[in-house]
C-alpha atoms as a PDB file:
ATOM      1  CA  MET A   1      24.340  67.923  14.143  1.00  0.00           C
ATOM      2  CA  LYS A   2      23.203  64.877  16.104  1.00  0.00           C
ATOM      3  CA  SER A   3      25.821  62.695  17.751  1.00  0.00           C
ATOM      4  CA  THR A   4      24.974  59.658  15.597  1.00  0.00           C
ATOM      5  CA  GLU A   5      25.199  61.738  12.418  1.00  0.00           C
ATOM      6  CA  LYS A   6      28.547  63.166  13.528  1.00  0.00           C
ATOM      7  CA  HIS A   7      29.959  59.700  14.170  1.00  0.00           C
ATOM      8  CA  ALA A   8      28.674  58.474  10.812  1.00  0.00           C
ATOM      9  CA  LEU A   9      30.351  61.404   9.054  1.00  0.00           C
ATOM     10  CA  GLU A  10      33.609  60.820  10.941  1.00  0.00           C
ATOM     11  CA  ASP A  11      33.540  57.136   9.979  1.00  0.00           C
ATOM     12  CA  GLU A  12      32.978  58.017   6.333  1.00  0.00           C
ATOM     13  CA  LEU A  13      35.820  60.563   6.332  1.00  0.00           C
ATOM     14  CA  GLU A  14      38.139  58.028   7.969  1.00  0.00           C
ATOM     15  CA  TYR A  15      37.174  55.468   5.336  1.00  0.00           C
ATOM     16  CA  TYR A  16      38.159  57.755   2.447  1.00  0.00           C
ATOM     17  CA  LYS A  17      41.424  58.703   4.137  1.00  0.00           C
ATOM     18  CA  GLN A  18      42.579  55.101   3.604  1.00  0.00           C
ATOM     19  CA  PHE A  19      43.052  55.658  -0.124  1.00  0.00           C
ATOM     20  CA  THR A  20      42.706  59.385  -0.864  1.00  0.00           C
ATOM     21  CA  SER A  21      42.659  62.825   0.775  1.00  0.00           C
ATOM     22  CA  PHE A  22      40.333  65.814   0.951  1.00  0.00           C
ATOM     23  CA  ALA A  23      42.748  67.776  -1.243  1.00  0.00           C
ATOM     24  CA  GLU A  24      42.786  65.029  -3.869  1.00  0.00           C
ATOM     25  CA  ILE A  25      39.008  64.718  -3.855  1.00  0.00           C
ATOM     26  CA  GLY A  26      38.749  68.470  -4.418  1.00  0.00           C
ATOM     27  CA  ALA A  27      41.257  68.336  -7.286  1.00  0.00           C
ATOM     28  CA  SER A  28      40.083  65.016  -8.727  1.00  0.00           C
ATOM     29  CA  GLU A  29      38.799  66.467 -12.017  1.00  0.00           C
ATOM     30  CA  ILE A  30      42.132  68.166 -12.706  1.00  0.00           C
ATOM     31  CA  ILE A  31      44.046  64.979 -11.850  1.00  0.00           C
ATOM     32  CA  GLU A  32      41.712  62.904 -14.030  1.00  0.00           C
ATOM     33  CA  GLU A  33      42.508  65.065 -17.036  1.00  0.00           C
ATOM     34  CA  LEU A  34      46.240  64.618 -16.425  1.00  0.00           C
ATOM     35  CA  LEU A  35      45.761  60.865 -16.148  1.00  0.00           C
ATOM     36  CA  ARG A  36      43.684  60.661 -19.323  1.00  0.00           C
ATOM     37  CA  ASN A  37      45.910  62.901 -21.434  1.00  0.00           C
ATOM     38  CA  SER A  38      49.312  61.608 -20.341  1.00  0.00           C
ATOM     39  CA  ASN A  39      51.765  61.133 -23.200  1.00  0.00           C
ATOM     40  CA  LEU A  40      52.537  57.730 -21.657  1.00  0.00           C
ATOM     41  CA  GLY A  41      49.202  56.485 -22.965  1.00  0.00           C
ATOM     42  CA  GLY A  42      46.545  57.354 -20.441  1.00  0.00           C
ATOM     43  CA  PHE A  43      46.064  55.917 -16.968  1.00  0.00           C
ATOM     44  CA  LEU A  44      42.289  56.320 -16.765  1.00  0.00           C
ATOM     45  CA  GLY A  45      39.434  55.701 -19.187  1.00  0.00           C
ATOM     46  CA  PRO A  46      37.208  58.519 -20.513  1.00  0.00           C
ATOM     47  CA  LYS A  47      34.304  57.493 -18.294  1.00  0.00           C
ATOM     48  CA  GLU A  48      36.261  56.321 -15.251  1.00  0.00           C
ATOM     49  CA  ASN A  49      36.328  58.226 -11.973  1.00  0.00           C
ATOM     50  CA  LEU A  50      39.622  58.465 -10.089  1.00  0.00           C
ATOM     51  CA  ILE A  51      38.258  58.307  -6.540  1.00  0.00           C
ATOM     52  CA  GLU A  52      35.784  55.549  -7.399  1.00  0.00           C
ATOM     53  CA  THR A  53      38.532  53.497  -9.064  1.00  0.00           C
ATOM     54  CA  LYS A  54      40.741  53.830  -6.011  1.00  0.00           C
ATOM     55  CA  ARG A  55      37.843  52.999  -3.708  1.00  0.00           C
ATOM     56  CA  ASN A  56      37.042  49.792  -5.612  1.00  0.00           C
ATOM     57  CA  ASP A  57      40.643  48.597  -5.383  1.00  0.00           C
ATOM     58  CA  TYR A  58      40.745  49.415  -1.686  1.00  0.00           C
ATOM     59  CA  GLU A  59      37.586  47.354  -1.222  1.00  0.00           C
ATOM     60  CA  THR A  60      39.267  44.418  -2.969  1.00  0.00           C
ATOM     61  CA  LEU A  61      42.189  44.576  -0.538  1.00  0.00           C
ATOM     62  CA  ARG A  62      39.847  44.885   2.409  1.00  0.00           C
ATOM     63  CA  ARG A  63      37.834  41.881   1.247  1.00  0.00           C
ATOM     64  CA  TYR A  64      41.010  39.786   1.446  1.00  0.00           C
ATOM     65  CA  GLY A  65      42.024  41.343   4.759  1.00  0.00           C
ATOM     66  CA  LEU A  66      45.137  42.895   3.219  1.00  0.00           C
ATOM     67  CA  SER A  67      46.684  46.353   3.268  1.00  0.00           C
ATOM     68  CA  TYR A  68      48.591  48.285   0.620  1.00  0.00           C
ATOM     69  CA  GLU A  69      51.788  47.432   2.503  1.00  0.00           C
ATOM     70  CA  ASP A  70      50.953  43.718   2.282  1.00  0.00           C
ATOM     71  CA  ILE A  71      50.862  44.124  -1.498  1.00  0.00           C
ATOM     72  CA  LEU A  72      53.877  46.421  -1.770  1.00  0.00           C
ATOM     73  CA  SER A  73      56.305  44.472   0.407  1.00  0.00           C
ATOM     74  CA  PRO A  74      56.714  41.465  -1.940  1.00  0.00           C
ATOM     75  CA  LEU A  75      56.555  43.660  -5.058  1.00  0.00           C
ATOM     76  CA  GLU A  76      59.458  45.748  -3.794  1.00  0.00           C
ATOM     77  CA  VAL A  77      61.550  42.645  -3.075  1.00  0.00           C
ATOM     78  CA  ILE A  78      60.747  41.107  -6.469  1.00  0.00           C
ATOM     79  CA  SER A  79      61.500  44.339  -8.322  1.00  0.00           C
ATOM     80  CA  GLU A  80      64.813  44.752  -6.501  1.00  0.00           C
ATOM     81  CA  ARG A  81      65.867  41.213  -7.473  1.00  0.00           C
ATOM     82  CA  ALA A  82      64.656  41.615 -11.051  1.00  0.00           C
ATOM     83  CA  VAL A  83      66.221  45.019 -11.744  1.00  0.00           C
ATOM     84  CA  GLY A  84      69.489  43.845 -10.184  1.00  0.00           C
ATOM     85  CA  LYS A  85      69.526  40.823 -12.494  1.00  0.00           C
ATOM     86  CA  TYR A  86      68.733  42.961 -15.525  1.00  0.00           C
ATOM     87  CA  LEU A  87      71.475  45.513 -14.821  1.00  0.00           C
ATOM     88  CA  GLU A  88      73.938  42.688 -14.231  1.00  0.00           C
ATOM     89  CA  GLU A  89      73.187  41.171 -17.640  1.00  0.00           C
ATOM     90  CA  HIS A  90      72.629  44.411 -19.587  1.00  0.00           C
ATOM     91  CA  PRO A  91      74.962  47.000 -18.003  1.00  0.00           C
ATOM     92  CA  ASN A  92      75.395  49.018 -21.183  1.00  0.00           C
ATOM     93  CA  LYS A  93      72.200  48.240 -23.094  1.00  0.00           C
ATOM     94  CA  ALA A  94      69.049  50.318 -23.157  1.00  0.00           C
ATOM     95  CA  SER A  95      66.900  47.317 -24.034  1.00  0.00           C
ATOM     96  CA  GLY A  96      66.877  43.588 -23.433  1.00  0.00           C
ATOM     97  CA  ILE A  97      65.165  40.832 -21.463  1.00  0.00           C
ATOM     98  CA  SER A  98      66.336  38.962 -18.389  1.00  0.00           C
ATOM     99  CA  GLU A  99      64.771  36.172 -16.374  1.00  0.00           C
ATOM    100  CA  LEU A 100      65.227  34.600 -12.976  1.00  0.00           C
ATOM    101  CA  TYR A 101      63.513  32.168 -10.641  1.00  0.00           C
ATOM    102  CA  LEU A 102      62.581  32.809  -7.031  1.00  0.00           C
ATOM    103  CA  ASP A 103      61.488  30.520  -4.224  1.00  0.00           C
ATOM    104  CA  ASP A 104      58.432  31.137  -2.036  1.00  0.00           C
ATOM    105  CA  ASN A 105      60.442  33.604   0.069  1.00  0.00           C
ATOM    106  CA  TYR A 106      61.494  35.507  -3.093  1.00  0.00           C
ATOM    107  CA  HIS A 107      65.099  34.304  -2.879  1.00  0.00           C
ATOM    108  CA  PRO A 108      66.876  33.521  -6.175  1.00  0.00           C
ATOM    109  CA  VAL A 109      67.055  29.864  -7.230  1.00  0.00           C
ATOM    110  CA  SER A 110      70.227  28.795  -9.063  1.00  0.00           C
ATOM    111  CA  ASP A 111      70.254  27.592 -12.654  1.00  0.00           C
ATOM    112  CA  ASN A 112      71.422  24.139 -11.558  1.00  0.00           C
ATOM    113  CA  GLU A 113      68.338  23.725  -9.390  1.00  0.00           C
ATOM    114  CA  ILE A 114      66.106  24.701 -12.315  1.00  0.00           C
ATOM    115  CA  LYS A 115      67.743  22.086 -14.560  1.00  0.00           C
ATOM    116  CA  ARG A 116      67.179  19.335 -11.994  1.00  0.00           C
ATOM    117  CA  SER A 117      63.466  20.054 -12.047  1.00  0.00           C
ATOM    118  CA  GLY A 118      63.166  19.877 -15.835  1.00  0.00           C
ATOM    119  CA  PHE A 119      60.985  17.767 -18.058  1.00  0.00           C
ATOM    120  CA  LEU A 120      63.536  14.919 -18.379  1.00  0.00           C
ATOM    121  CA  SER A 121      63.774  14.562 -14.608  1.00  0.00           C
ATOM    122  CA  GLU A 122      60.023  14.159 -14.373  1.00  0.00           C
ATOM    123  CA  ILE A 123      60.017  11.407 -17.044  1.00  0.00           C
ATOM    124  CA  LEU A 124      62.849   9.507 -15.326  1.00  0.00           C
ATOM    125  CA  GLU A 125      61.108   9.760 -11.997  1.00  0.00           C
ATOM    126  CA  ARG A 126      57.939   8.273 -13.428  1.00  0.00           C
ATOM    127  CA  MET A 127      59.849   5.472 -15.194  1.00  0.00           C
ATOM    128  CA  PHE A 128      61.981   4.383 -12.283  1.00  0.00           C
ATOM    129  CA  LYS A 129      59.767   5.625  -9.446  1.00  0.00           C
ATOM    130  CA  LYS A 130      62.820   7.217  -7.904  1.00  0.00           C
ATOM    131  CA  PRO A 131      62.224  10.606  -6.301  1.00  0.00           C
ATOM    132  CA  GLU A 132      64.493  13.235  -7.751  1.00  0.00           C
ATOM    133  CA  GLU A 133      65.597  16.454  -6.102  1.00  0.00           C
ATOM    134  CA  HIS A 134      63.215  19.121  -7.338  1.00  0.00           C
ATOM    135  CA  SER A 135      63.774  22.812  -7.628  1.00  0.00           C
ATOM    136  CA  ASN A 136      62.524  25.211  -4.979  1.00  0.00           C
ATOM    137  CA  ALA A 137      61.501  27.589  -7.732  1.00  0.00           C
ATOM    138  CA  VAL A 138      57.989  28.964  -7.253  1.00  0.00           C
ATOM    139  CA  TYR A 139      58.096  32.143  -9.341  1.00  0.00           C
ATOM    140  CA  HIS A 140      59.379  32.702 -12.855  1.00  0.00           C
ATOM    141  CA  ILE A 141      60.298  36.348 -13.349  1.00  0.00           C
ATOM    142  CA  THR A 142      61.003  38.124 -16.618  1.00  0.00           C
ATOM    143  CA  ILE A 143      62.043  41.753 -16.881  1.00  0.00           C
ATOM    144  CA  ARG A 144      62.459  44.146 -19.783  1.00  0.00           C
ATOM    145  CA  ARG A 145      63.316  47.815 -20.159  1.00  0.00           C
ATOM    146  CA  LEU A 146      60.514  50.252 -20.983  1.00  0.00           C
ATOM    147  CA  GLN A 147      60.769  53.894 -21.954  1.00  0.00           C
ATOM    148  CA  ASP A 148      61.586  56.271 -19.119  1.00  0.00           C
ATOM    149  CA  ALA A 149      58.501  57.413 -17.231  1.00  0.00           C
ATOM    150  CA  HIS A 150      57.330  60.020 -14.761  1.00  0.00           C
ATOM    151  CA  CYS A 151      54.378  60.172 -12.388  1.00  0.00           C
ATOM    152  CA  PRO A 152      51.357  62.071 -13.793  1.00  0.00           C
ATOM    153  CA  TRP A 153      50.908  63.720 -10.364  1.00  0.00           C
ATOM    154  CA  SER A 154      54.275  65.435 -11.014  1.00  0.00           C
ATOM    155  CA  ASN A 155      52.552  67.445 -13.760  1.00  0.00           C
ATOM    156  CA  LEU A 156      50.255  69.205 -11.322  1.00  0.00           C
ATOM    157  CA  PRO A 157      50.775  72.976 -11.295  1.00  0.00           C
ATOM    158  CA  GLU A 158      52.711  74.566  -8.447  1.00  0.00           C
ATOM    159  CA  ALA A 159      49.837  76.920  -7.701  1.00  0.00           C
ATOM    160  CA  PRO A 160      47.400  77.213  -6.078  1.00  0.00           C
ATOM    161  CA  GLU A 161      48.716  75.854  -2.797  1.00  0.00           C
ATOM    162  CA  GLU A 162      46.119  73.049  -2.689  1.00  0.00           C
ATOM    163  CA  LEU A 163      47.489  71.571  -5.900  1.00  0.00           C
ATOM    164  CA  ALA A 164      51.107  72.192  -4.936  1.00  0.00           C
ATOM    165  CA  LYS A 165      50.623  69.915  -1.923  1.00  0.00           C
ATOM    166  CA  LEU A 166      49.604  67.087  -4.244  1.00  0.00           C
ATOM    167  CA  ARG A 167      52.469  67.614  -6.679  1.00  0.00           C
ATOM    168  CA  CYS A 168      54.678  64.503  -6.865  1.00  0.00           C
ATOM    169  CA  GLN A 169      58.481  64.500  -7.017  1.00  0.00           C
ATOM    170  CA  TYR A 170      58.686  61.333  -9.138  1.00  0.00           C
ATOM    171  CA  THR A 171      60.079  62.918 -12.291  1.00  0.00           C
ATOM    172  CA  THR A 172      61.398  61.021 -15.333  1.00  0.00           C
ATOM    173  CA  ARG A 173      63.220  57.826 -14.307  1.00  0.00           C
ATOM    174  CA  PRO A 174      64.223  54.499 -15.888  1.00  0.00           C
ATOM    175  CA  ASN A 175      61.270  52.124 -16.077  1.00  0.00           C
ATOM    176  CA  TYR A 176      61.169  48.328 -16.205  1.00  0.00           C
ATOM    177  CA  GLU A 177      58.312  45.892 -16.750  1.00  0.00           C
ATOM    178  CA  ILE A 178      58.369  42.813 -14.531  1.00  0.00           C
ATOM    179  CA  SER A 179      56.229  39.737 -15.241  1.00  0.00           C
ATOM    180  CA  VAL A 180      55.576  37.278 -12.425  1.00  0.00           C
ATOM    181  CA  GLU A 181      54.331  33.723 -12.999  1.00  0.00           C
ATOM    182  CA  ASN A 182      53.547  31.296 -10.187  1.00  0.00           C
ATOM    183  CA  LEU A 183      54.812  27.897 -11.397  1.00  0.00           C
ATOM    184  CA  LYS A 184      52.593  26.060  -8.920  1.00  0.00           C
ATOM    185  CA  ASN A 185      49.156  27.591  -9.478  1.00  0.00           C
ATOM    186  CA  HIS A 186      49.879  29.181 -12.907  1.00  0.00           C
ATOM    187  CA  ASN A 187      48.515  32.596 -11.959  1.00  0.00           C
ATOM    188  CA  SER A 188      50.444  35.595 -13.224  1.00  0.00           C
ATOM    189  CA  PHE A 189      50.554  39.388 -13.408  1.00  0.00           C
ATOM    190  CA  ARG A 190      52.883  42.126 -14.579  1.00  0.00           C
ATOM    191  CA  PHE A 191      53.806  45.522 -13.199  1.00  0.00           C
ATOM    192  CA  ASN A 192      56.423  48.184 -13.773  1.00  0.00           C
ATOM    193  CA  MET A 193      58.430  50.535 -11.591  1.00  0.00           C
ATOM    194  CA  LEU A 194      56.080  53.450 -12.224  1.00  0.00           C
ATOM    195  CA  THR A 195      53.134  51.240 -11.277  1.00  0.00           C
ATOM    196  CA  LEU A 196      54.911  50.366  -8.053  1.00  0.00           C
ATOM    197  CA  HIS A 197      55.264  54.074  -7.284  1.00  0.00           C
ATOM    198  CA  LEU A 198      51.606  54.771  -8.124  1.00  0.00           C
ATOM    199  CA  ILE A 199      50.426  52.066  -5.714  1.00  0.00           C
ATOM    200  CA  LYS A 200      52.799  53.133  -2.957  1.00  0.00           C
ATOM    201  CA  GLU A 201      52.371  56.892  -3.099  1.00  0.00           C
ATOM    202  CA  HIS A 202      48.928  57.336  -4.669  1.00  0.00           C
ATOM    203  CA  LYS A 203      47.050  54.073  -3.860  1.00  0.00           C
ATOM    204  CA  PHE A 204      46.401  53.804  -7.603  1.00  0.00           C
ATOM    205  CA  PHE A 205      46.564  50.544  -9.580  1.00  0.00           C
ATOM    206  CA  GLU A 206      45.536  52.479 -12.739  1.00  0.00           C
ATOM    207  CA  GLY A 207      42.169  52.479 -14.430  1.00  0.00           C
ATOM    208  CA  SER A 208      40.731  49.546 -16.361  1.00  0.00           C
ATOM    209  CA  TYR A 209      40.808  51.563 -19.582  1.00  0.00           C
ATOM    210  CA  SER A 210      43.280  53.790 -21.340  1.00  0.00           C
ATOM    211  CA  SER A 211      42.485  57.135 -22.902  1.00  0.00           C
ATOM    212  CA  PHE A 212      44.269  56.878 -26.224  1.00  0.00           C
ATOM    213  CA  GLY A 213      40.809  57.372 -27.660  1.00  0.00           C
ATOM    214  CA  HIS A 214      39.783  60.030 -25.171  1.00  0.00           C
ATOM    215  CA  GLN A 215      38.895  62.623 -27.791  1.00  0.00           C
ATOM    216  CA  ILE A 216      36.581  60.250 -29.660  1.00  0.00           C
ATOM    217  CA  HIS A 217      35.391  58.430 -26.541  1.00  0.00           C
ATOM    218  CA  LEU A 218      36.879  55.037 -27.357  1.00  0.00           C
ATOM    219  CA  SER A 219      37.294  52.517 -24.542  1.00  0.00           C
ATOM    220  CA  ILE A 220      40.687  50.821 -24.857  1.00  0.00           C
ATOM    221  CA  LYS A 221      41.828  48.215 -22.362  1.00  0.00           C
ATOM    222  CA  ASN A 222      44.659  49.519 -20.210  1.00  0.00           C
ATOM    223  CA  TYR A 223      47.658  47.216 -20.721  1.00  0.00           C
ATOM    224  CA  TYR A 224      49.423  48.593 -17.640  1.00  0.00           C
ATOM    225  CA  ARG A 225      46.566  48.213 -15.169  1.00  0.00           C
ATOM    226  CA  VAL A 226      47.496  45.812 -12.324  1.00  0.00           C
ATOM    227  CA  GLU A 227      44.594  43.920 -10.778  1.00  0.00           C
ATOM    228  CA  PRO A 228      45.053  43.650  -7.003  1.00  0.00           C
ATOM    229  CA  GLU A 229      43.372  40.246  -7.071  1.00  0.00           C
ATOM    230  CA  SER A 230      45.906  38.950  -9.623  1.00  0.00           C
ATOM    231  CA  ILE A 231      48.759  39.970  -7.315  1.00  0.00           C
ATOM    232  CA  ILE A 232      47.055  38.318  -4.343  1.00  0.00           C
ATOM    233  CA  ARG A 233      46.395  35.034  -6.147  1.00  0.00           C
ATOM    234  CA  THR A 234      49.778  34.826  -7.834  1.00  0.00           C
ATOM    235  CA  LEU A 235      51.742  35.540  -4.647  1.00  0.00           C
ATOM    236  CA  CYS A 236      49.287  33.539  -2.464  1.00  0.00           C
ATOM    237  CA  LEU A 237      48.993  36.439  -0.042  1.00  0.00           C
ATOM    238  CA  LYS A 238      47.103  35.739   3.161  1.00  0.00           C
ATOM    239  CA  SER A 239      45.709  38.058   5.787  1.00  0.00           C
ATOM    240  CA  ASN A 240      47.541  38.151   9.112  1.00  0.00           C
ATOM    241  CA  ARG A 241      44.599  39.840  10.795  1.00  0.00           C
END
């Protein structure tokens, strides 16, 4: 093999290692079937390719000069705040909805601050041209309980060894859906705790379509898919590179 061809191959292999692995590429068809046939509703459309889907999302991050960690860091903080608020308000309930407001550093904003920034304050300010103290709230967060969920990679068989290495330990756990709205630019997105795991451990934001209609080849929009670009725009993430 010529030196230039060897370097080109090495570069290509390094590129794919950013979002997948050789073992996963080799087992991609098996994983795709698990994703499509999950009893949670299907994580991948009938005609979608796992590796290609992951590659496209990686390219989106790269276009913005961001890494997976740049995306995950704020999501982990937001989810910690949101789940904590939910458990505080619903300690003994399996279902319910909670909400909270966060500033641009993802710190909670008190209810009193929210009230000062309400509609009446804005009217009074316009009438009397007297600046009022406004809330520092940037993000409106709502959270609700979903059914318990497990990672589809945890369904991989324990043999052969190649598949066992890919088997995930994220078994059935409580799941919560968190909606994030930016009150300044009005962008929004939603994610859940399983989604957070899929991004962190598998570099997978889910497919654009669900496979409820897999057997009859229907294309159904995937409600749980998280668009990387929606996260970036809502959280106003900037590259530090």
